[in-house]
Amino acid sequence: MLEIKAIKLEEEIFFPYGDIIINPKKEPDFSNEILNFWPGISDINTTGSIAQFNWLQIIGIRSFICKQFERHVLTSEALIPMDSPSIIVLALSKNMNGANLQVDTDTIKAFIFDGTVAVNLRKGIWHSLPFPLTTDANFIIVFQKQSANNIEIIDLKEPVKIIL
């Protein structure tokens, strides 16, 4: 079994997988006495369709062993935690733009989400279902309106054990 240590979510390490969505550290593009506005902090990348907000609830704590990955081939995916810390396991593909379903095991990382930031995964990034660090966890997921040809799910040849 492959073992990986869950690491802190940091922009430099996370960049190949997507964008971290946090309060911008630059001046807002628009500001007045009641608001500050930063447009376009991360793009939802879809292939000719509508992006949707979706609610995901993970029920119960399960063992920190990742046995399955999924990826969206037509869209990026924003993952916005609503209430609880969790861990998500991510990986790149050996061929990010093709139909090769092989996970590049050298790129597997487990990131700790403290519940205060969101991420936008790039199109084609392999990811696990979140592993809550509490009993239940809720997320808003934003991606292209579902179609059968947007998602690929694979069982890992070798499970990944997450170490805290």
N, C-alpha and C. Protein backbone atom coordinates (compact mmCIF):
# COMPACT_ATOMS: atom_id res chain seq x y z
N MET A 1 0.84 -1.17 0.00
CA MET A 1 0.00 0.00 0.00
C MET A 1 0.89 1.24 0.00
N LEU A 2 0.57 2.19 -0.84
CA LEU A 2 1.28 3.47 -0.90
C LEU A 2 0.84 4.32 0.27
N GLU A 3 1.78 4.90 1.01
CA GLU A 3 1.46 5.78 2.11
C GLU A 3 1.89 7.20 1.77
N ILE A 4 1.01 8.16 2.03
CA ILE A 4 1.35 9.56 1.82
C ILE A 4 0.95 10.35 3.05
N LYS A 5 1.74 11.34 3.38
CA LYS A 5 1.45 12.20 4.52
C LYS A 5 0.60 13.37 4.05
N ALA A 6 -0.49 13.62 4.77
CA ALA A 6 -1.34 14.77 4.45
C ALA A 6 -0.57 16.04 4.78
N ILE A 7 -0.58 16.98 3.85
CA ILE A 7 0.20 18.21 4.01
C ILE A 7 -0.70 19.44 4.01
N LYS A 8 -0.12 20.53 4.52
CA LYS A 8 -0.82 21.80 4.56
C LYS A 8 -1.07 22.30 3.14
N LEU A 9 -2.21 22.90 2.93
CA LEU A 9 -2.61 23.44 1.64
C LEU A 9 -1.82 24.73 1.39
N GLU A 10 -0.82 24.67 0.51
CA GLU A 10 0.00 25.83 0.17
C GLU A 10 0.00 26.04 -1.33
N GLU A 11 -0.07 27.30 -1.75
CA GLU A 11 -0.25 27.65 -3.15
C GLU A 11 0.81 27.04 -4.07
N GLU A 12 2.08 27.09 -3.67
CA GLU A 12 3.16 26.59 -4.54
C GLU A 12 3.05 25.09 -4.79
N ILE A 13 2.71 24.35 -3.76
CA ILE A 13 2.60 22.89 -3.88
C ILE A 13 1.31 22.50 -4.61
N PHE A 14 0.24 23.26 -4.37
CA PHE A 14 -1.07 22.93 -4.93
C PHE A 14 -1.21 23.33 -6.39
N PHE A 15 -0.42 24.28 -6.89
CA PHE A 15 -0.60 24.89 -8.21
C PHE A 15 -0.81 23.89 -9.35
N PRO A 16 -0.06 22.78 -9.47
CA PRO A 16 -0.31 21.86 -10.59
C PRO A 16 -1.73 21.28 -10.61
N TYR A 17 -2.40 21.27 -9.45
CA TYR A 17 -3.71 20.66 -9.33
C TYR A 17 -4.85 21.67 -9.53
N GLY A 18 -4.58 22.96 -9.29
CA GLY A 18 -5.62 23.97 -9.44
C GLY A 18 -5.29 25.23 -8.67
N ASP A 19 -6.33 26.02 -8.40
CA ASP A 19 -6.19 27.30 -7.70
C ASP A 19 -6.77 27.20 -6.30
N ILE A 20 -6.10 27.83 -5.33
CA ILE A 20 -6.66 27.99 -3.99
C ILE A 20 -7.47 29.28 -3.99
N ILE A 21 -8.69 29.21 -3.50
CA ILE A 21 -9.58 30.36 -3.48
C ILE A 21 -9.57 30.95 -2.07
N ILE A 22 -8.89 32.08 -1.92
CA ILE A 22 -8.79 32.76 -0.62
C ILE A 22 -9.04 34.24 -0.83
N ASN A 23 -9.13 34.97 0.27
CA ASN A 23 -9.29 36.40 0.21
C ASN A 23 -8.08 37.00 -0.50
N PRO A 24 -8.29 37.71 -1.62
CA PRO A 24 -7.16 38.25 -2.38
C PRO A 24 -6.31 39.22 -1.55
N LYS A 25 -5.00 39.19 -1.80
CA LYS A 25 -4.07 40.04 -1.07
C LYS A 25 -3.73 41.31 -1.84
N LYS A 26 -4.40 41.55 -2.96
CA LYS A 26 -4.17 42.75 -3.76
C LYS A 26 -5.33 43.72 -3.56
N GLU A 27 -5.17 44.92 -4.06
CA GLU A 27 -6.25 45.90 -4.01
C GLU A 27 -7.44 45.41 -4.84
N PRO A 28 -8.67 45.68 -4.37
CA PRO A 28 -9.84 45.26 -5.16
C PRO A 28 -9.93 46.03 -6.48
N ASP A 29 -10.55 45.39 -7.47
CA ASP A 29 -10.77 46.06 -8.75
C ASP A 29 -11.83 47.15 -8.64
N PHE A 30 -12.76 46.95 -7.71
CA PHE A 30 -13.80 47.94 -7.47
C PHE A 30 -14.03 48.02 -5.97
N SER A 31 -14.18 49.23 -5.47
CA SER A 31 -14.40 49.43 -4.05
C SER A 31 -15.25 50.67 -3.83
N ASN A 32 -16.14 50.60 -2.85
CA ASN A 32 -16.87 51.78 -2.42
C ASN A 32 -17.10 51.67 -0.92
N GLU A 33 -17.98 52.48 -0.37
CA GLU A 33 -18.16 52.50 1.09
C GLU A 33 -18.81 51.24 1.65
N ILE A 34 -19.41 50.40 0.78
CA ILE A 34 -20.06 49.19 1.31
C ILE A 34 -19.51 47.88 0.79
N LEU A 35 -18.56 47.92 -0.20
CA LEU A 35 -18.06 46.64 -0.70
C LEU A 35 -16.69 46.79 -1.36
N ASN A 36 -15.99 45.68 -1.40
CA ASN A 36 -14.78 45.50 -2.19
C ASN A 36 -15.05 44.32 -3.12
N PHE A 37 -14.60 44.44 -4.38
CA PHE A 37 -14.91 43.40 -5.36
C PHE A 37 -13.66 43.04 -6.16
N TRP A 38 -13.37 41.72 -6.20
CA TRP A 38 -12.27 41.16 -6.98
C TRP A 38 -12.87 40.20 -8.00
N PRO A 39 -13.03 40.57 -9.26
CA PRO A 39 -13.60 39.64 -10.24
C PRO A 39 -12.57 38.63 -10.73
N GLY A 40 -13.04 37.49 -11.18
CA GLY A 40 -12.20 36.52 -11.86
C GLY A 40 -11.06 35.96 -11.04
N ILE A 41 -11.28 35.63 -9.76
CA ILE A 41 -10.18 35.08 -8.96
C ILE A 41 -9.82 33.67 -9.39
N SER A 42 -10.72 32.98 -10.08
CA SER A 42 -10.45 31.67 -10.68
C SER A 42 -11.57 31.38 -11.66
N ASP A 43 -11.24 30.79 -12.79
CA ASP A 43 -12.23 30.51 -13.82
C ASP A 43 -12.80 29.10 -13.67
N ILE A 44 -14.11 28.96 -13.89
CA ILE A 44 -14.72 27.64 -14.03
C ILE A 44 -14.58 27.29 -15.50
N ASN A 45 -13.81 26.27 -15.79
CA ASN A 45 -13.51 25.88 -17.17
C ASN A 45 -14.48 24.78 -17.58
N THR A 46 -15.37 25.10 -18.52
CA THR A 46 -16.32 24.11 -19.03
C THR A 46 -16.18 24.00 -20.54
N THR A 47 -16.74 22.96 -21.08
CA THR A 47 -16.72 22.75 -22.53
C THR A 47 -18.13 22.99 -23.06
N GLY A 48 -18.44 24.23 -23.38
CA GLY A 48 -19.70 24.58 -24.01
C GLY A 48 -20.95 24.23 -23.24
N SER A 49 -20.97 24.44 -21.92
CA SER A 49 -22.14 24.10 -21.13
C SER A 49 -22.31 25.10 -20.01
N ILE A 50 -23.22 24.81 -19.12
CA ILE A 50 -23.53 25.66 -17.97
C ILE A 50 -22.85 25.08 -16.73
N ALA A 51 -22.25 25.95 -15.92
CA ALA A 51 -21.70 25.51 -14.63
C ALA A 51 -22.82 25.52 -13.60
N GLN A 52 -22.78 24.56 -12.66
CA GLN A 52 -23.80 24.45 -11.63
C GLN A 52 -23.18 24.41 -10.25
N PHE A 53 -23.90 24.95 -9.27
CA PHE A 53 -23.57 24.75 -7.87
C PHE A 53 -24.25 23.46 -7.44
N ASN A 54 -23.52 22.61 -6.71
CA ASN A 54 -24.04 21.33 -6.23
C ASN A 54 -23.72 21.22 -4.74
N TRP A 55 -24.57 20.57 -3.99
CA TRP A 55 -24.33 20.34 -2.56
C TRP A 55 -23.87 18.91 -2.37
N LEU A 56 -22.78 18.71 -1.63
CA LEU A 56 -22.25 17.38 -1.32
C LEU A 56 -22.16 17.24 0.19
N GLN A 57 -22.76 16.19 0.72
CA GLN A 57 -22.64 15.89 2.15
C GLN A 57 -21.94 14.55 2.30
N ILE A 58 -20.85 14.55 3.04
CA ILE A 58 -20.13 13.31 3.37
C ILE A 58 -20.60 12.92 4.77
N ILE A 59 -21.09 11.70 4.89
CA ILE A 59 -21.68 11.25 6.15
C ILE A 59 -20.73 10.29 6.86
N GLY A 60 -20.32 10.64 8.06
CA GLY A 60 -19.50 9.77 8.89
C GLY A 60 -18.03 9.81 8.55
N ILE A 61 -17.25 9.42 9.53
CA ILE A 61 -15.80 9.33 9.34
C ILE A 61 -15.49 7.93 8.82
N ARG A 62 -14.62 7.85 7.81
CA ARG A 62 -14.21 6.54 7.28
C ARG A 62 -12.69 6.46 7.38
N SER A 63 -12.15 5.27 7.22
CA SER A 63 -10.71 5.09 7.31
C SER A 63 -10.01 5.93 6.25
N PHE A 64 -8.83 6.39 6.54
CA PHE A 64 -8.07 7.26 5.64
C PHE A 64 -7.32 6.43 4.60
N ILE A 65 -8.09 5.66 3.85
CA ILE A 65 -7.53 4.86 2.76
C ILE A 65 -8.29 5.19 1.49
N CYS A 66 -7.56 5.70 0.51
CA CYS A 66 -8.16 6.09 -0.77
C CYS A 66 -8.05 4.91 -1.73
N LYS A 67 -9.20 4.42 -2.20
CA LYS A 67 -9.23 3.27 -3.09
C LYS A 67 -9.71 3.62 -4.49
N GLN A 68 -10.22 4.85 -4.65
CA GLN A 68 -10.84 5.22 -5.91
C GLN A 68 -10.58 6.70 -6.21
N PHE A 69 -10.42 7.01 -7.48
CA PHE A 69 -10.28 8.39 -7.94
C PHE A 69 -11.35 8.67 -8.98
N GLU A 70 -11.69 9.94 -9.11
CA GLU A 70 -12.53 10.38 -10.22
C GLU A 70 -11.88 11.62 -10.81
N ARG A 71 -12.28 11.93 -12.05
CA ARG A 71 -11.86 13.19 -12.67
C ARG A 71 -12.96 13.63 -13.63
N HIS A 72 -12.98 14.91 -13.87
CA HIS A 72 -13.93 15.49 -14.81
C HIS A 72 -13.15 15.91 -16.05
N VAL A 73 -13.51 15.37 -17.17
CA VAL A 73 -12.74 15.56 -18.40
C VAL A 73 -13.19 16.79 -19.19
N LEU A 74 -14.35 17.36 -18.86
CA LEU A 74 -14.85 18.52 -19.60
C LEU A 74 -14.84 19.81 -18.80
N THR A 75 -14.52 19.74 -17.51
CA THR A 75 -14.68 20.90 -16.66
C THR A 75 -13.72 20.91 -15.49
N SER A 76 -13.41 22.09 -15.01
CA SER A 76 -12.74 22.21 -13.72
C SER A 76 -13.79 21.94 -12.64
N GLU A 77 -13.35 21.82 -11.39
CA GLU A 77 -14.29 21.57 -10.29
C GLU A 77 -13.88 22.39 -9.09
N ALA A 78 -14.76 23.29 -8.65
CA ALA A 78 -14.52 24.06 -7.44
C ALA A 78 -15.09 23.28 -6.26
N LEU A 79 -14.29 23.18 -5.21
CA LEU A 79 -14.67 22.48 -3.98
C LEU A 79 -14.64 23.50 -2.85
N ILE A 80 -15.83 23.79 -2.30
CA ILE A 80 -15.97 24.84 -1.29
C ILE A 80 -16.50 24.21 0.00
N PRO A 81 -15.63 24.05 1.02
CA PRO A 81 -16.11 23.47 2.28
C PRO A 81 -17.07 24.43 2.97
N MET A 82 -18.11 23.88 3.56
CA MET A 82 -19.13 24.71 4.20
C MET A 82 -19.04 24.70 5.72
N ASP A 83 -18.39 23.67 6.30
CA ASP A 83 -18.46 23.63 7.76
C ASP A 83 -17.33 22.89 8.46
N SER A 84 -16.60 22.03 7.81
CA SER A 84 -15.70 21.14 8.54
C SER A 84 -14.37 20.95 7.82
N PRO A 85 -13.32 20.67 8.59
CA PRO A 85 -12.04 20.34 7.97
C PRO A 85 -12.08 18.94 7.35
N SER A 86 -11.26 18.74 6.32
CA SER A 86 -11.21 17.45 5.65
C SER A 86 -9.88 17.31 4.92
N ILE A 87 -9.69 16.15 4.34
CA ILE A 87 -8.51 15.85 3.53
C ILE A 87 -9.01 15.43 2.15
N ILE A 88 -8.32 15.87 1.11
CA ILE A 88 -8.63 15.41 -0.23
C ILE A 88 -7.33 14.93 -0.87
N VAL A 89 -7.41 13.80 -1.54
CA VAL A 89 -6.25 13.21 -2.22
C VAL A 89 -6.35 13.56 -3.70
N LEU A 90 -5.26 14.07 -4.26
CA LEU A 90 -5.22 14.51 -5.66
C LEU A 90 -4.06 13.87 -6.39
N ALA A 91 -4.19 13.77 -7.72
CA ALA A 91 -3.10 13.26 -8.54
C ALA A 91 -3.25 13.77 -9.96
N LEU A 92 -2.12 13.82 -10.65
CA LEU A 92 -2.11 14.12 -12.07
C LEU A 92 -2.18 12.81 -12.84
N SER A 93 -2.53 12.90 -14.10
CA SER A 93 -2.54 11.75 -15.00
C SER A 93 -1.19 11.66 -15.69
N LYS A 94 -0.83 10.48 -16.13
CA LYS A 94 0.40 10.34 -16.92
C LYS A 94 0.25 11.10 -18.23
N ASN A 95 -0.98 11.22 -18.73
CA ASN A 95 -1.26 11.99 -19.94
C ASN A 95 -2.48 12.85 -19.64
N MET A 96 -2.27 14.11 -19.23
CA MET A 96 -3.36 14.96 -18.77
C MET A 96 -4.38 15.28 -19.86
N ASN A 97 -3.99 15.27 -21.13
CA ASN A 97 -4.90 15.67 -22.19
C ASN A 97 -5.48 14.50 -22.99
N GLY A 98 -5.10 13.30 -22.65
CA GLY A 98 -5.56 12.17 -23.45
C GLY A 98 -6.49 11.27 -22.68
N ALA A 99 -6.75 10.14 -23.27
CA ALA A 99 -7.67 9.18 -22.67
C ALA A 99 -6.95 8.17 -21.78
N ASN A 100 -5.66 8.39 -21.52
CA ASN A 100 -4.90 7.48 -20.67
C ASN A 100 -5.40 7.63 -19.24
N LEU A 101 -5.96 6.58 -18.69
CA LEU A 101 -6.53 6.64 -17.35
C LEU A 101 -5.52 6.38 -16.25
N GLN A 102 -4.27 6.23 -16.58
CA GLN A 102 -3.28 5.91 -15.56
C GLN A 102 -2.96 7.12 -14.69
N VAL A 103 -3.01 6.91 -13.39
CA VAL A 103 -2.64 7.94 -12.43
C VAL A 103 -1.12 7.95 -12.31
N ASP A 104 -0.54 9.14 -12.32
CA ASP A 104 0.90 9.28 -12.09
C ASP A 104 1.11 9.23 -10.58
N THR A 105 1.51 8.07 -10.05
CA THR A 105 1.61 7.87 -8.60
C THR A 105 2.63 8.80 -7.95
N ASP A 106 3.59 9.31 -8.72
CA ASP A 106 4.57 10.25 -8.17
C ASP A 106 3.94 11.61 -7.84
N THR A 107 2.74 11.87 -8.33
CA THR A 107 2.09 13.17 -8.10
C THR A 107 0.97 13.10 -7.07
N ILE A 108 0.75 11.95 -6.46
CA ILE A 108 -0.33 11.82 -5.47
C ILE A 108 0.02 12.62 -4.22
N LYS A 109 -0.91 13.48 -3.82
CA LYS A 109 -0.73 14.28 -2.61
C LYS A 109 -2.05 14.30 -1.85
N ALA A 110 -1.97 14.35 -0.52
CA ALA A 110 -3.14 14.50 0.34
C ALA A 110 -3.05 15.88 0.98
N PHE A 111 -4.05 16.72 0.73
CA PHE A 111 -4.06 18.07 1.26
C PHE A 111 -5.08 18.20 2.38
N ILE A 112 -4.68 18.91 3.43
CA ILE A 112 -5.57 19.18 4.56
C ILE A 112 -6.31 20.49 4.28
N PHE A 113 -7.62 20.42 4.25
CA PHE A 113 -8.47 21.59 4.11
C PHE A 113 -8.95 21.95 5.52
N ASP A 114 -8.64 23.15 5.97
CA ASP A 114 -9.05 23.51 7.34
C ASP A 114 -10.50 24.00 7.41
N GLY A 115 -11.19 24.07 6.27
CA GLY A 115 -12.58 24.49 6.24
C GLY A 115 -12.77 25.96 5.97
N THR A 116 -11.66 26.72 5.78
CA THR A 116 -11.77 28.17 5.57
C THR A 116 -11.42 28.62 4.16
N VAL A 117 -10.93 27.71 3.32
CA VAL A 117 -10.58 28.07 1.94
C VAL A 117 -11.20 27.07 0.98
N ALA A 118 -11.37 27.52 -0.25
CA ALA A 118 -11.89 26.66 -1.31
C ALA A 118 -10.78 26.44 -2.33
N VAL A 119 -10.99 25.47 -3.22
CA VAL A 119 -10.05 25.24 -4.32
C VAL A 119 -10.83 25.04 -5.61
N ASN A 120 -10.16 25.30 -6.71
CA ASN A 120 -10.72 25.04 -8.03
C ASN A 120 -9.76 24.09 -8.74
N LEU A 121 -10.15 22.82 -8.84
CA LEU A 121 -9.31 21.80 -9.45
C LEU A 121 -9.31 21.97 -10.96
N ARG A 122 -8.16 21.84 -11.57
CA ARG A 122 -8.06 21.93 -13.02
C ARG A 122 -8.80 20.77 -13.67
N LYS A 123 -9.21 20.97 -14.90
CA LYS A 123 -9.86 19.91 -15.68
C LYS A 123 -8.92 18.71 -15.76
N GLY A 124 -9.46 17.51 -15.51
CA GLY A 124 -8.68 16.29 -15.63
C GLY A 124 -7.90 15.87 -14.40
N ILE A 125 -7.98 16.62 -13.29
CA ILE A 125 -7.25 16.26 -12.08
C ILE A 125 -7.97 15.11 -11.37
N TRP A 126 -7.23 14.05 -11.08
CA TRP A 126 -7.78 12.94 -10.32
C TRP A 126 -7.98 13.38 -8.87
N HIS A 127 -9.10 13.02 -8.27
CA HIS A 127 -9.35 13.39 -6.89
C HIS A 127 -10.23 12.35 -6.20
N SER A 128 -10.04 12.29 -4.91
CA SER A 128 -10.85 11.39 -4.08
C SER A 128 -12.08 12.14 -3.59
N LEU A 129 -13.01 11.41 -3.05
CA LEU A 129 -14.07 11.99 -2.27
C LEU A 129 -13.39 12.54 -1.02
N PRO A 130 -13.79 13.72 -0.51
CA PRO A 130 -13.14 14.23 0.70
C PRO A 130 -13.24 13.27 1.88
N PHE A 131 -12.22 13.28 2.72
CA PHE A 131 -12.18 12.51 3.96
C PHE A 131 -12.40 13.49 5.11
N PRO A 132 -13.63 13.58 5.68
CA PRO A 132 -13.88 14.52 6.77
C PRO A 132 -13.04 14.19 8.00
N LEU A 133 -12.67 15.24 8.73
CA LEU A 133 -11.97 15.07 10.00
C LEU A 133 -12.96 15.19 11.16
N THR A 134 -14.24 15.33 10.83
CA THR A 134 -15.33 15.36 11.80
C THR A 134 -16.36 14.32 11.35
N THR A 135 -17.44 14.19 12.08
CA THR A 135 -18.43 13.17 11.76
C THR A 135 -19.04 13.36 10.38
N ASP A 136 -19.46 14.56 10.05
CA ASP A 136 -20.06 14.85 8.74
C ASP A 136 -19.39 16.10 8.18
N ALA A 137 -19.46 16.26 6.88
CA ALA A 137 -18.91 17.47 6.25
C ALA A 137 -19.76 17.81 5.03
N ASN A 138 -19.96 19.09 4.82
CA ASN A 138 -20.75 19.58 3.70
C ASN A 138 -19.89 20.45 2.80
N PHE A 139 -20.14 20.34 1.49
CA PHE A 139 -19.37 21.08 0.49
C PHE A 139 -20.31 21.60 -0.58
N ILE A 140 -19.95 22.73 -1.15
CA ILE A 140 -20.55 23.15 -2.41
C ILE A 140 -19.55 22.77 -3.48
N ILE A 141 -20.03 22.12 -4.52
CA ILE A 141 -19.21 21.71 -5.64
C ILE A 141 -19.72 22.49 -6.86
N VAL A 142 -18.80 23.10 -7.61
CA VAL A 142 -19.20 23.83 -8.81
C VAL A 142 -18.45 23.22 -10.00
N PHE A 143 -19.23 22.71 -10.96
CA PHE A 143 -18.66 22.21 -12.20
C PHE A 143 -19.72 22.23 -13.28
N GLN A 144 -19.33 21.79 -14.45
CA GLN A 144 -20.26 21.77 -15.58
C GLN A 144 -21.48 20.91 -15.25
N LYS A 145 -22.64 21.36 -15.70
CA LYS A 145 -23.86 20.58 -15.53
C LYS A 145 -23.58 19.15 -15.99
N GLN A 146 -23.87 18.20 -15.13
CA GLN A 146 -23.45 16.82 -15.35
C GLN A 146 -23.95 16.23 -16.67
N SER A 147 -23.02 15.53 -17.28
CA SER A 147 -23.34 14.70 -18.44
C SER A 147 -22.53 13.42 -18.30
N ALA A 148 -22.99 12.37 -18.90
CA ALA A 148 -22.36 11.05 -18.74
C ALA A 148 -20.91 11.04 -19.19
N ASN A 149 -20.54 11.87 -20.15
CA ASN A 149 -19.17 11.81 -20.67
C ASN A 149 -18.22 12.77 -19.96
N ASN A 150 -18.64 13.37 -18.84
CA ASN A 150 -17.79 14.31 -18.12
C ASN A 150 -17.00 13.66 -17.00
N ILE A 151 -17.41 12.52 -16.51
CA ILE A 151 -16.76 11.93 -15.34
C ILE A 151 -16.17 10.56 -15.66
N GLU A 152 -14.96 10.36 -15.15
CA GLU A 152 -14.31 9.05 -15.21
C GLU A 152 -13.99 8.64 -13.78
N ILE A 153 -14.29 7.39 -13.44
CA ILE A 153 -14.03 6.86 -12.11
C ILE A 153 -13.19 5.61 -12.26
N ILE A 154 -12.11 5.52 -11.48
CA ILE A 154 -11.26 4.34 -11.53
C ILE A 154 -10.99 3.82 -10.12
N ASP A 155 -10.80 2.52 -10.01
CA ASP A 155 -10.30 1.91 -8.79
C ASP A 155 -8.78 1.93 -8.87
N LEU A 156 -8.13 2.33 -7.79
CA LEU A 156 -6.68 2.37 -7.78
C LEU A 156 -6.10 0.97 -7.71
N LYS A 157 -5.03 0.73 -8.45
CA LYS A 157 -4.37 -0.58 -8.41
C LYS A 157 -3.81 -0.85 -7.03
N GLU A 158 -3.34 0.21 -6.39
CA GLU A 158 -2.79 0.12 -5.05
C GLU A 158 -3.44 1.19 -4.19
N PRO A 159 -4.16 0.82 -3.12
CA PRO A 159 -4.78 1.84 -2.26
C PRO A 159 -3.73 2.79 -1.68
N VAL A 160 -4.19 3.99 -1.35
CA VAL A 160 -3.31 5.01 -0.77
C VAL A 160 -3.74 5.26 0.67
N LYS A 161 -2.82 5.05 1.60
CA LYS A 161 -3.08 5.29 3.01
C LYS A 161 -2.64 6.71 3.36
N ILE A 162 -3.55 7.48 3.95
CA ILE A 162 -3.27 8.87 4.33
C ILE A 162 -2.79 8.88 5.77
N ILE A 163 -1.66 9.53 5.98
CA ILE A 163 -1.09 9.64 7.33
C ILE A 163 -1.21 11.09 7.79
N LEU A 164 -1.76 11.28 8.97
CA LEU A 164 -1.89 12.65 9.52
C LEU A 164 -0.62 13.05 10.23
